[in-house]
Amino acid sequence: MSAVGSVMTSEVDQPRAAAAPSTAGMWLGGVAALLVMRLPMSFLLLLVVPWIILLAQTRYRSGLRAGPLAALEVCCMVTAVIAVVFHPSLLTSIGNSAVIMLAVVGFTLAVFRSADPSKTARQSLSGLYWGALLVWFIGLGEILTGIKLLPLLYPEANTVSAVSKSRWIVTATYPNYNDYGVVMTMLFTALLAKMWFDPRRGAVKLGRLFALVTCFGMILMGGSRGALLGCMCAVALLVILNVRRLHAAAMGVRAFFWGTTLVVAAGGGLWMSPYVQDHSTAERGRIMTNAVSMLMSDPIALLFGYGSLSEYQNEANARFGDVLMDPHNLLLELVLRYGIVAMILFVACWLWIAVKGFLPRRPAVDWQAAFALTVVMLLPVLGIVPSSTLRYHVTWLYLVVASCLTAQMIASRRSELGTMVAHQERVDVTPDQSG
């Protein structure tokens, strides 16, 4: 299935595989941390470093298969290239979706073709965690000092006034407190996973608790309802994952059904409440309606996307005037960037991770796997918070890491099943041989 599909089929030089330790995860983790911190040149590093790793290191056969992820990335790459044909101006656009997918494909190959994909995925995830922790530390510094980075980094941002007026609203290296809230929700998930799946005592436990409480406090003060909902969902998902890890028969299909029904009912009630139905919600509804009307009137855009959000904004300006048209919805953004098929494949990949990675009985998860799987499960919720979710490329990184860990779980379960079958066959044959 092209470059990404061949992740699982490359030839391996076994002697070199045994001798060469994998350092890919350390480099990828460093790049991931820089991406989370939004430091200059971080995307360029994401674009270049994975391909350097692939050229410098032996490519190994891991045996892991992540078909839904491969199909999604191939589709996105193909539609992004086709979009360039229809919109030649994208060749000079820094937001060209084809360039973004080139970076994502490189990262995927570097993870799956490393000497130890599971270790590489976990090291990449550690980078995402430490990057978020450093962003939290910067935000904490803004609260303690009253010095805000937003006016310095993004003086034209429409959030400068609100952030400057309140000591408690912070953005660190991000242009919007909603975007910062998403990062804090991911960190909140990681800290909670550490506390439940990797418990410690003493100063370490107190440090984690302090970071967890202050992280949640920043989300509350920022006023992001989506980020707050994400934290509540993270608690529920980690409870489910932890209970199923400890008790295989707990929270089965019936519990899942009634739990889903309760969440839908509560979500519907919350959606109709004045807390949600305000000017901001109405504005997002208008954007979504306009975007859908643009797609329905342009079959080519619906099928292949616009290739970048800047091109989509240009088309929106031509149709509706100079108005903000950022999607504020991950699924809609996927259609706008890569087309309707890509959005469907994203949902398929999400469901594959949910069914194969999150829902199996007694899932063999550590805090890192719990962190990655839960964040991916939260993407439909967190995807409605920022104006553009895919602008922060860490979304793809979480999807790749979670897919790799899910593939590892599937391979482990198959290996265990094969061992059990082989053992049973030996037990069945032994009486006949002795007789």
Protein backbone atom coordinates (compact mmCIF):
# COMPACT_ATOMS: atom_id res chain seq x y z
CA MET A 1 0.00 0.00 0.00
CA SER A 2 2.70 2.46 -1.02
CA ALA A 3 5.36 3.81 1.29
CA VAL A 4 3.27 3.77 4.43
CA GLY A 5 1.73 0.43 3.67
CA SER A 6 5.16 -1.09 3.24
CA VAL A 7 5.95 -0.15 6.84
CA MET A 8 5.26 -3.71 7.72
CA THR A 9 6.97 -5.49 4.79
CA SER A 10 10.54 -4.18 4.56
CA GLU A 11 13.43 -6.59 4.47
CA VAL A 12 15.72 -6.76 7.47
CA ASP A 13 19.35 -7.47 7.97
CA GLN A 14 19.16 -9.64 11.08
CA PRO A 15 22.79 -9.41 12.22
CA ARG A 16 22.75 -5.63 12.04
CA ALA A 17 19.37 -5.56 13.75
CA ALA A 18 20.80 -7.43 16.70
CA ALA A 19 23.85 -5.25 16.96
CA ALA A 20 22.49 -1.75 16.37
CA PRO A 21 20.50 -0.18 19.21
CA SER A 22 17.60 1.97 18.21
CA THR A 23 18.11 5.68 18.79
CA ALA A 24 15.25 6.74 16.55
CA GLY A 25 12.88 7.26 19.46
CA MET A 26 15.23 9.69 21.22
CA TRP A 27 15.43 11.92 18.15
CA LEU A 28 11.73 11.66 17.39
CA GLY A 29 10.90 12.38 21.03
CA GLY A 30 13.03 15.51 20.91
CA VAL A 31 11.26 16.70 17.76
CA ALA A 32 7.88 15.93 19.35
CA ALA A 33 8.76 18.01 22.41
CA LEU A 34 9.79 20.96 20.25
CA LEU A 35 6.53 20.70 18.30
CA VAL A 36 4.47 20.81 21.47
CA MET A 37 6.44 23.85 22.65
CA ARG A 38 5.95 25.54 19.25
CA LEU A 39 9.60 26.50 19.04
CA PRO A 40 10.94 27.96 15.77
CA MET A 41 11.91 25.46 13.08
CA SER A 42 10.12 22.62 14.89
CA PHE A 43 8.04 21.64 11.86
CA LEU A 44 11.12 21.75 9.65
CA LEU A 45 12.74 19.27 12.03
CA LEU A 46 9.66 17.04 11.83
CA LEU A 47 9.94 17.17 8.06
CA VAL A 48 13.66 16.39 7.90
CA VAL A 49 14.69 14.31 10.94
CA PRO A 50 12.54 11.18 10.29
CA TRP A 51 13.84 10.88 6.73
CA ILE A 52 17.42 11.30 7.96
CA ILE A 53 16.76 8.50 10.45
CA LEU A 54 15.41 6.28 7.66
CA LEU A 55 18.51 6.92 5.54
CA ALA A 56 20.98 6.49 8.41
CA GLN A 57 19.56 3.42 10.11
CA THR A 58 18.78 -0.06 8.94
CA ARG A 59 15.11 -0.58 8.25
CA TYR A 60 13.76 -3.57 10.15
CA ARG A 61 10.77 -5.84 9.74
CA SER A 62 8.72 -5.38 12.89
CA GLY A 63 5.80 -7.59 11.98
CA LEU A 64 3.42 -4.89 13.17
CA ARG A 65 0.51 -3.95 10.95
CA ALA A 66 -1.52 -0.76 11.14
CA GLY A 67 -3.64 -0.98 8.00
CA PRO A 68 -6.16 1.77 8.90
CA LEU A 69 -3.37 4.25 9.60
CA ALA A 70 -1.60 3.32 6.36
CA ALA A 71 -4.80 3.76 4.34
CA LEU A 72 -5.46 7.14 5.95
CA GLU A 73 -1.99 8.51 5.29
CA VAL A 74 -1.89 7.24 1.70
CA CYS A 75 -5.27 8.82 1.02
CA CYS A 76 -4.22 12.14 2.56
CA MET A 77 -0.98 12.19 0.58
CA VAL A 78 -2.71 11.39 -2.72
CA THR A 79 -5.50 13.95 -2.27
CA ALA A 80 -3.02 16.60 -1.12
CA VAL A 81 -0.96 16.11 -4.29
CA ILE A 82 -4.10 16.21 -6.44
CA ALA A 83 -5.16 19.43 -4.69
CA VAL A 84 -1.90 21.03 -5.82
CA VAL A 85 -2.89 20.25 -9.41
CA PHE A 86 -6.17 22.13 -8.99
CA HIS A 87 -4.58 24.90 -6.92
CA PRO A 88 -1.04 25.59 -8.28
CA SER A 89 -0.60 28.43 -5.79
CA LEU A 90 -0.15 25.77 -3.10
CA LEU A 91 3.35 25.09 -4.41
CA THR A 92 4.55 28.17 -2.55
CA SER A 93 2.28 27.79 0.48
CA ILE A 94 3.92 26.87 3.79
CA GLY A 95 0.65 25.26 4.78
CA ASN A 96 0.69 22.88 1.83
CA SER A 97 -0.99 19.70 3.06
CA ALA A 98 1.26 17.58 0.82
CA VAL A 99 4.34 18.83 2.69
CA ILE A 100 2.65 18.15 6.02
CA MET A 101 1.83 14.59 4.97
CA LEU A 102 5.40 14.08 3.78
CA ALA A 103 6.51 14.86 7.34
CA VAL A 104 3.81 12.59 8.85
CA VAL A 105 4.67 9.68 6.55
CA GLY A 106 8.34 10.07 7.43
CA PHE A 107 7.55 10.01 11.14
CA THR A 108 5.37 6.91 10.68
CA LEU A 109 8.05 5.03 8.77
CA ALA A 110 10.72 6.03 11.30
CA VAL A 111 8.60 4.58 14.12
CA PHE A 112 7.47 1.34 12.46
CA ARG A 113 10.78 0.59 10.75
CA SER A 114 12.93 1.16 13.83
CA ALA A 115 14.66 -1.72 15.60
CA ASP A 116 12.00 -1.64 18.35
CA PRO A 117 8.82 0.14 17.17
CA SER A 118 7.09 -0.11 20.54
CA LYS A 119 10.06 1.48 22.33
CA THR A 120 10.37 4.14 19.64
CA ALA A 121 6.67 4.97 19.96
CA ARG A 122 6.99 5.28 23.73
CA GLN A 123 10.06 7.52 23.43
CA SER A 124 8.16 9.72 20.99
CA LEU A 125 5.28 9.83 23.44
CA SER A 126 7.66 10.82 26.23
CA GLY A 127 8.69 13.76 24.08
CA LEU A 128 5.05 14.80 23.75
CA TYR A 129 4.68 14.54 27.53
CA TRP A 130 7.81 16.51 28.41
CA GLY A 131 7.00 19.16 25.83
CA ALA A 132 3.55 19.64 27.38
CA LEU A 133 5.10 19.73 30.85
CA LEU A 134 7.48 22.51 29.77
CA VAL A 135 4.55 24.44 28.29
CA TRP A 136 2.76 24.04 31.64
CA PHE A 137 5.85 25.35 33.42
CA ILE A 138 5.94 28.42 31.15
CA GLY A 139 2.24 29.05 31.86
CA LEU A 140 2.87 28.72 35.59
CA GLY A 141 5.70 31.23 35.25
CA GLU A 142 3.33 33.66 33.52
CA ILE A 143 0.90 33.43 36.43
CA LEU A 144 3.61 33.91 39.06
CA THR A 145 5.35 36.82 37.32
CA GLY A 146 2.45 38.43 35.49
CA ILE A 147 4.63 38.59 32.37
CA LYS A 148 2.80 37.27 29.30
CA LEU A 149 4.52 35.96 26.18
CA LEU A 150 1.48 36.37 23.94
CA PRO A 151 1.96 40.11 23.17
CA LEU A 152 5.59 39.39 22.30
CA LEU A 153 5.07 36.26 20.20
CA TYR A 154 1.69 37.05 18.62
CA PRO A 155 1.03 40.81 18.91
CA GLU A 156 -1.73 40.63 16.27
CA ALA A 157 -3.66 37.84 18.00
CA ASN A 158 -7.26 38.69 18.92
CA THR A 159 -6.72 37.19 22.38
CA VAL A 160 -4.04 39.68 23.47
CA SER A 161 -6.50 41.97 25.26
CA ALA A 162 -8.15 39.20 27.31
CA VAL A 163 -4.82 37.63 28.28
CA SER A 164 -3.23 40.97 29.19
CA LYS A 165 -6.15 41.97 31.45
CA SER A 166 -6.14 38.77 33.53
CA ARG A 167 -3.19 37.39 35.45
CA TRP A 168 -4.80 33.95 35.50
CA ILE A 169 -5.40 33.47 31.76
CA VAL A 170 -2.21 32.24 30.13
CA THR A 171 -1.21 30.92 26.71
CA ALA A 172 2.57 30.27 27.06
CA THR A 173 3.88 29.77 23.52
CA TYR A 174 0.41 29.44 21.95
CA PRO A 175 -1.62 32.17 20.20
CA ASN A 176 -4.93 31.33 21.91
CA TYR A 177 -5.97 30.16 25.37
CA ASN A 178 -8.22 27.54 23.75
CA ASP A 179 -5.19 26.01 22.03
CA TYR A 180 -3.29 26.13 25.31
CA GLY A 181 -6.23 24.42 26.98
CA VAL A 182 -5.97 21.48 24.56
CA VAL A 183 -2.29 20.99 25.45
CA MET A 184 -3.14 21.16 29.15
CA THR A 185 -5.90 18.57 28.67
CA MET A 186 -3.36 16.23 27.08
CA LEU A 187 -0.97 16.86 29.97
CA PHE A 188 -3.81 16.32 32.46
CA THR A 189 -4.44 12.94 30.80
CA ALA A 190 -0.75 12.01 31.00
CA LEU A 191 -0.43 12.98 34.67
CA LEU A 192 -3.57 11.06 35.62
CA ALA A 193 -2.34 8.02 33.68
CA LYS A 194 0.98 8.23 35.54
CA MET A 195 -0.77 8.42 38.91
CA TRP A 196 -3.01 5.40 38.21
CA PHE A 197 -0.82 3.19 36.04
CA ASP A 198 2.61 4.08 37.45
CA PRO A 199 1.96 5.05 41.09
CA ARG A 200 4.78 6.52 43.16
CA ARG A 201 5.14 7.75 46.73
CA GLY A 202 6.63 10.73 48.42
CA ALA A 203 7.83 13.79 46.55
CA VAL A 204 7.13 12.32 43.12
CA LYS A 205 3.48 11.73 43.99
CA LEU A 206 3.12 15.24 45.43
CA GLY A 207 4.79 16.76 42.36
CA ARG A 208 2.42 14.96 40.02
CA LEU A 209 -0.58 16.01 42.10
CA PHE A 210 0.55 19.65 42.11
CA ALA A 211 1.01 19.65 38.33
CA LEU A 212 -2.38 17.94 37.86
CA VAL A 213 -4.27 20.44 40.04
CA THR A 214 -2.58 23.52 38.59
CA CYS A 215 -3.03 22.20 35.07
CA PHE A 216 -6.76 21.78 35.67
CA GLY A 217 -6.89 25.22 37.27
CA MET A 218 -5.36 26.80 34.15
CA ILE A 219 -8.03 25.11 32.04
CA LEU A 220 -10.78 26.46 34.30
CA MET A 221 -9.39 29.99 34.25
CA GLY A 222 -8.97 29.89 30.47
CA GLY A 223 -12.68 29.20 30.13
CA SER A 224 -12.41 26.57 27.39
CA ARG A 225 -15.54 24.46 27.71
CA GLY A 226 -14.20 21.89 25.24
CA ALA A 227 -10.98 21.46 27.20
CA LEU A 228 -12.95 21.12 30.44
CA LEU A 229 -15.16 18.47 28.82
CA GLY A 230 -12.00 16.77 27.58
CA CYS A 231 -10.66 16.53 31.15
CA MET A 232 -13.91 14.98 32.38
CA CYS A 233 -13.91 12.50 29.51
CA ALA A 234 -10.24 11.69 30.20
CA VAL A 235 -11.09 10.76 33.80
CA ALA A 236 -13.94 8.51 32.64
CA LEU A 237 -11.88 6.83 29.91
CA LEU A 238 -8.91 6.17 32.19
CA VAL A 239 -11.27 4.71 34.83
CA ILE A 240 -12.70 2.36 32.20
CA LEU A 241 -9.23 1.39 30.97
CA ASN A 242 -7.93 0.79 34.48
CA VAL A 243 -10.94 -1.26 35.57
CA ARG A 244 -10.80 -3.43 32.44
CA ARG A 245 -7.08 -3.89 33.02
CA LEU A 246 -7.71 -5.23 36.51
CA HIS A 247 -11.08 -6.97 35.99
CA ALA A 248 -11.67 -8.52 32.58
CA ALA A 249 -15.39 -9.07 33.13
CA ALA A 250 -16.08 -5.52 34.27
CA MET A 251 -17.54 -2.82 32.06
CA GLY A 252 -18.42 -5.07 29.19
CA VAL A 253 -20.80 -4.50 26.28
CA ARG A 254 -23.82 -3.74 28.47
CA ALA A 255 -21.93 -1.18 30.55
CA PHE A 256 -20.53 0.36 27.40
CA PHE A 257 -24.03 0.66 25.91
CA TRP A 258 -25.58 2.28 28.97
CA GLY A 259 -22.52 4.44 29.52
CA THR A 260 -22.68 5.68 25.95
CA THR A 261 -26.41 6.37 26.30
CA LEU A 262 -25.80 8.38 29.46
CA VAL A 263 -22.99 10.37 27.86
CA VAL A 264 -25.12 11.16 24.80
CA ALA A 265 -28.04 12.24 26.95
CA ALA A 266 -25.84 14.38 29.18
CA GLY A 267 -24.07 15.82 26.16
CA GLY A 268 -27.38 16.68 24.55
CA GLY A 269 -28.58 18.44 27.67
CA LEU A 270 -25.31 20.34 27.99
CA TRP A 271 -25.45 21.33 24.33
CA MET A 272 -28.89 22.90 24.74
CA SER A 273 -27.93 24.75 27.93
CA PRO A 274 -27.12 28.48 28.03
CA TYR A 275 -23.57 27.53 29.09
CA VAL A 276 -22.93 26.24 25.57
CA GLN A 277 -25.44 28.06 23.41
CA ASP A 278 -23.84 31.48 23.35
CA HIS A 279 -22.42 33.80 20.69
CA SER A 280 -19.31 31.67 20.24
CA THR A 281 -21.34 28.54 19.56
CA ALA A 282 -23.58 30.39 17.12
CA GLU A 283 -20.53 31.72 15.28
CA ARG A 284 -19.06 28.23 14.98
CA GLY A 285 -22.38 26.97 13.67
CA ARG A 286 -22.37 29.66 11.00
CA ILE A 287 -18.82 28.71 9.96
CA MET A 288 -19.74 25.05 9.71
CA THR A 289 -22.87 25.80 7.66
CA ASN A 290 -20.92 27.99 5.23
CA ALA A 291 -18.09 25.46 4.91
CA VAL A 292 -20.49 22.60 4.20
CA SER A 293 -22.29 24.69 1.58
CA MET A 294 -18.94 25.38 -0.12
CA LEU A 295 -18.09 21.69 -0.20
CA MET A 296 -21.50 20.62 -1.49
CA SER A 297 -21.29 23.11 -4.32
CA ASP A 298 -17.79 21.96 -5.33
CA PRO A 299 -17.55 18.16 -5.84
CA ILE A 300 -13.79 18.35 -6.51
CA ALA A 301 -13.16 20.11 -3.18
CA LEU A 302 -15.46 17.64 -1.42
CA LEU A 303 -13.52 14.69 -2.85
CA PHE A 304 -9.95 16.01 -2.66
CA GLY A 305 -10.10 18.95 -0.25
CA TYR A 306 -8.58 22.39 -0.79
CA GLY A 307 -5.01 21.32 -0.04
CA SER A 308 -4.51 23.89 2.72
CA LEU A 309 -6.57 26.03 5.06
CA SER A 310 -5.22 29.19 3.42
CA GLU A 311 -6.63 28.12 0.05
CA TYR A 312 -9.93 27.28 1.72
CA GLN A 313 -9.95 30.72 3.37
CA ASN A 314 -9.32 32.38 0.00
CA GLU A 315 -12.28 30.53 -1.50
CA ALA A 316 -14.41 31.47 1.51
CA ASN A 317 -13.44 35.14 1.21
CA ALA A 318 -14.43 35.12 -2.46
CA ARG A 319 -17.84 33.69 -1.56
CA PHE A 320 -18.71 35.23 1.81
CA GLY A 321 -16.43 38.25 2.09
CA ASP A 322 -13.53 38.82 4.45
CA VAL A 323 -14.77 36.72 7.38
CA LEU A 324 -13.11 34.19 9.66
CA MET A 325 -13.79 30.68 8.42
CA ASP A 326 -11.48 28.47 10.52
CA PRO A 327 -13.29 25.12 10.82
CA HIS A 328 -13.23 24.65 14.64
CA ASN A 329 -13.97 20.99 13.99
CA LEU A 330 -11.43 18.22 13.38
CA LEU A 331 -13.64 16.11 11.11
CA LEU A 332 -14.64 19.12 9.01
CA GLU A 333 -11.00 20.22 8.82
CA LEU A 334 -10.03 16.79 7.47
CA VAL A 335 -12.59 17.16 4.69
CA LEU A 336 -11.41 20.70 3.90
CA ARG A 337 -7.76 19.65 3.77
CA TYR A 338 -7.90 16.11 2.36
CA GLY A 339 -11.44 15.34 1.22
CA ILE A 340 -14.40 13.29 2.43
CA VAL A 341 -12.69 9.89 1.93
CA ALA A 342 -9.85 10.92 4.24
CA MET A 343 -12.33 11.89 6.93
CA ILE A 344 -14.04 8.49 6.65
CA LEU A 345 -10.67 6.72 6.89
CA PHE A 346 -9.77 8.80 9.94
CA VAL A 347 -12.96 7.61 11.65
CA ALA A 348 -12.10 4.03 10.64
CA CYS A 349 -8.60 4.41 12.12
CA TRP A 350 -10.07 5.88 15.31
CA LEU A 351 -12.52 2.99 15.63
CA TRP A 352 -9.74 0.46 15.00
CA ILE A 353 -7.68 1.94 17.86
CA ALA A 354 -10.79 2.02 20.08
CA VAL A 355 -11.79 -1.60 19.41
CA LYS A 356 -8.36 -3.22 19.17
CA GLY A 357 -6.42 -1.06 21.60
CA PHE A 358 -8.77 0.49 24.12
CA LEU A 359 -11.67 -1.97 24.54
CA PRO A 360 -10.10 -5.49 24.70
CA ARG A 361 -10.43 -7.28 28.01
CA ARG A 362 -7.43 -7.00 30.27
CA PRO A 363 -5.57 -4.56 27.97
CA ALA A 364 -1.82 -4.82 28.58
CA VAL A 365 -1.24 -1.10 29.01
CA ASP A 366 1.32 0.94 30.94
CA TRP A 367 0.91 4.64 31.65
CA GLN A 368 2.26 5.59 28.23
CA ALA A 369 -0.15 3.33 26.34
CA ALA A 370 -3.02 4.54 28.52
CA PHE A 371 -1.97 8.13 27.81
CA ALA A 372 -1.73 7.67 24.03
CA LEU A 373 -4.93 5.65 23.65
CA THR A 374 -6.95 8.05 25.80
CA VAL A 375 -5.75 11.15 23.96
CA VAL A 376 -6.72 9.58 20.63
CA MET A 377 -10.14 8.68 22.05
CA LEU A 378 -10.48 12.34 23.08
CA LEU A 379 -9.69 13.72 19.61
CA PRO A 380 -13.38 14.12 18.58
CA VAL A 381 -13.86 16.26 21.71
CA LEU A 382 -10.58 18.17 21.63
CA GLY A 383 -11.00 18.66 17.88
CA ILE A 384 -13.77 21.22 18.42
CA VAL A 385 -11.71 23.47 20.72
CA PRO A 386 -9.04 25.12 18.50
CA SER A 387 -9.84 26.96 15.31
CA SER A 388 -7.54 24.48 13.56
CA THR A 389 -6.53 21.19 15.18
CA LEU A 390 -4.30 19.89 12.37
CA ARG A 391 -2.29 23.10 12.45
CA TYR A 392 -0.70 21.58 15.54
CA HIS A 393 0.94 18.55 14.00
CA VAL A 394 1.05 16.68 17.30
CA THR A 395 -2.42 15.34 16.41
CA TRP A 396 -0.80 13.14 13.78
CA LEU A 397 1.96 12.10 16.17
CA TYR A 398 -0.54 10.87 18.76
CA LEU A 399 -2.39 8.94 16.05
CA VAL A 400 0.83 7.26 14.84
CA VAL A 401 2.00 6.36 18.35
CA ALA A 402 -1.40 4.98 19.39
CA SER A 403 -1.61 2.96 16.16
CA CYS A 404 1.84 1.47 16.80
CA LEU A 405 0.99 0.51 20.39
CA THR A 406 -2.34 -0.94 19.26
CA ALA A 407 -0.56 -3.01 16.61
CA GLN A 408 1.86 -4.21 19.31
CA MET A 409 -1.05 -5.28 21.54
CA ILE A 410 -2.63 -7.20 18.66
CA ALA A 411 0.67 -8.95 17.89
CA SER A 412 1.15 -9.84 21.57
CA ARG A 413 -2.34 -11.30 21.86
CA ARG A 414 -1.79 -13.38 18.72
CA SER A 415 1.53 -14.62 20.06
CA GLU A 416 -0.05 -15.59 23.37
CA LEU A 417 -2.87 -17.36 21.56
CA GLY A 418 -0.39 -19.23 19.38
CA THR A 419 1.58 -20.31 22.45
CA MET A 420 -1.59 -21.55 24.16
CA VAL A 421 -2.65 -23.51 21.07
CA ALA A 422 0.81 -25.06 20.70
CA HIS A 423 0.84 -26.02 24.38
CA GLN A 424 -2.63 -27.55 24.12
CA GLU A 425 -1.56 -29.57 21.08
CA ARG A 426 1.43 -30.94 22.98
CA VAL A 427 -0.86 -31.87 25.90
CA ASP A 428 -3.28 -33.63 23.53
CA VAL A 429 -0.51 -35.57 21.78
CA THR A 430 1.35 -36.72 24.89
CA PRO A 431 -1.13 -39.47 26.03
CA ASP A 432 -1.11 -41.04 22.58
CA GLN A 433 2.67 -41.07 22.49
CA SER A 434 2.95 -42.59 25.96
CA GLY A 435 0.38 -45.21 25.11
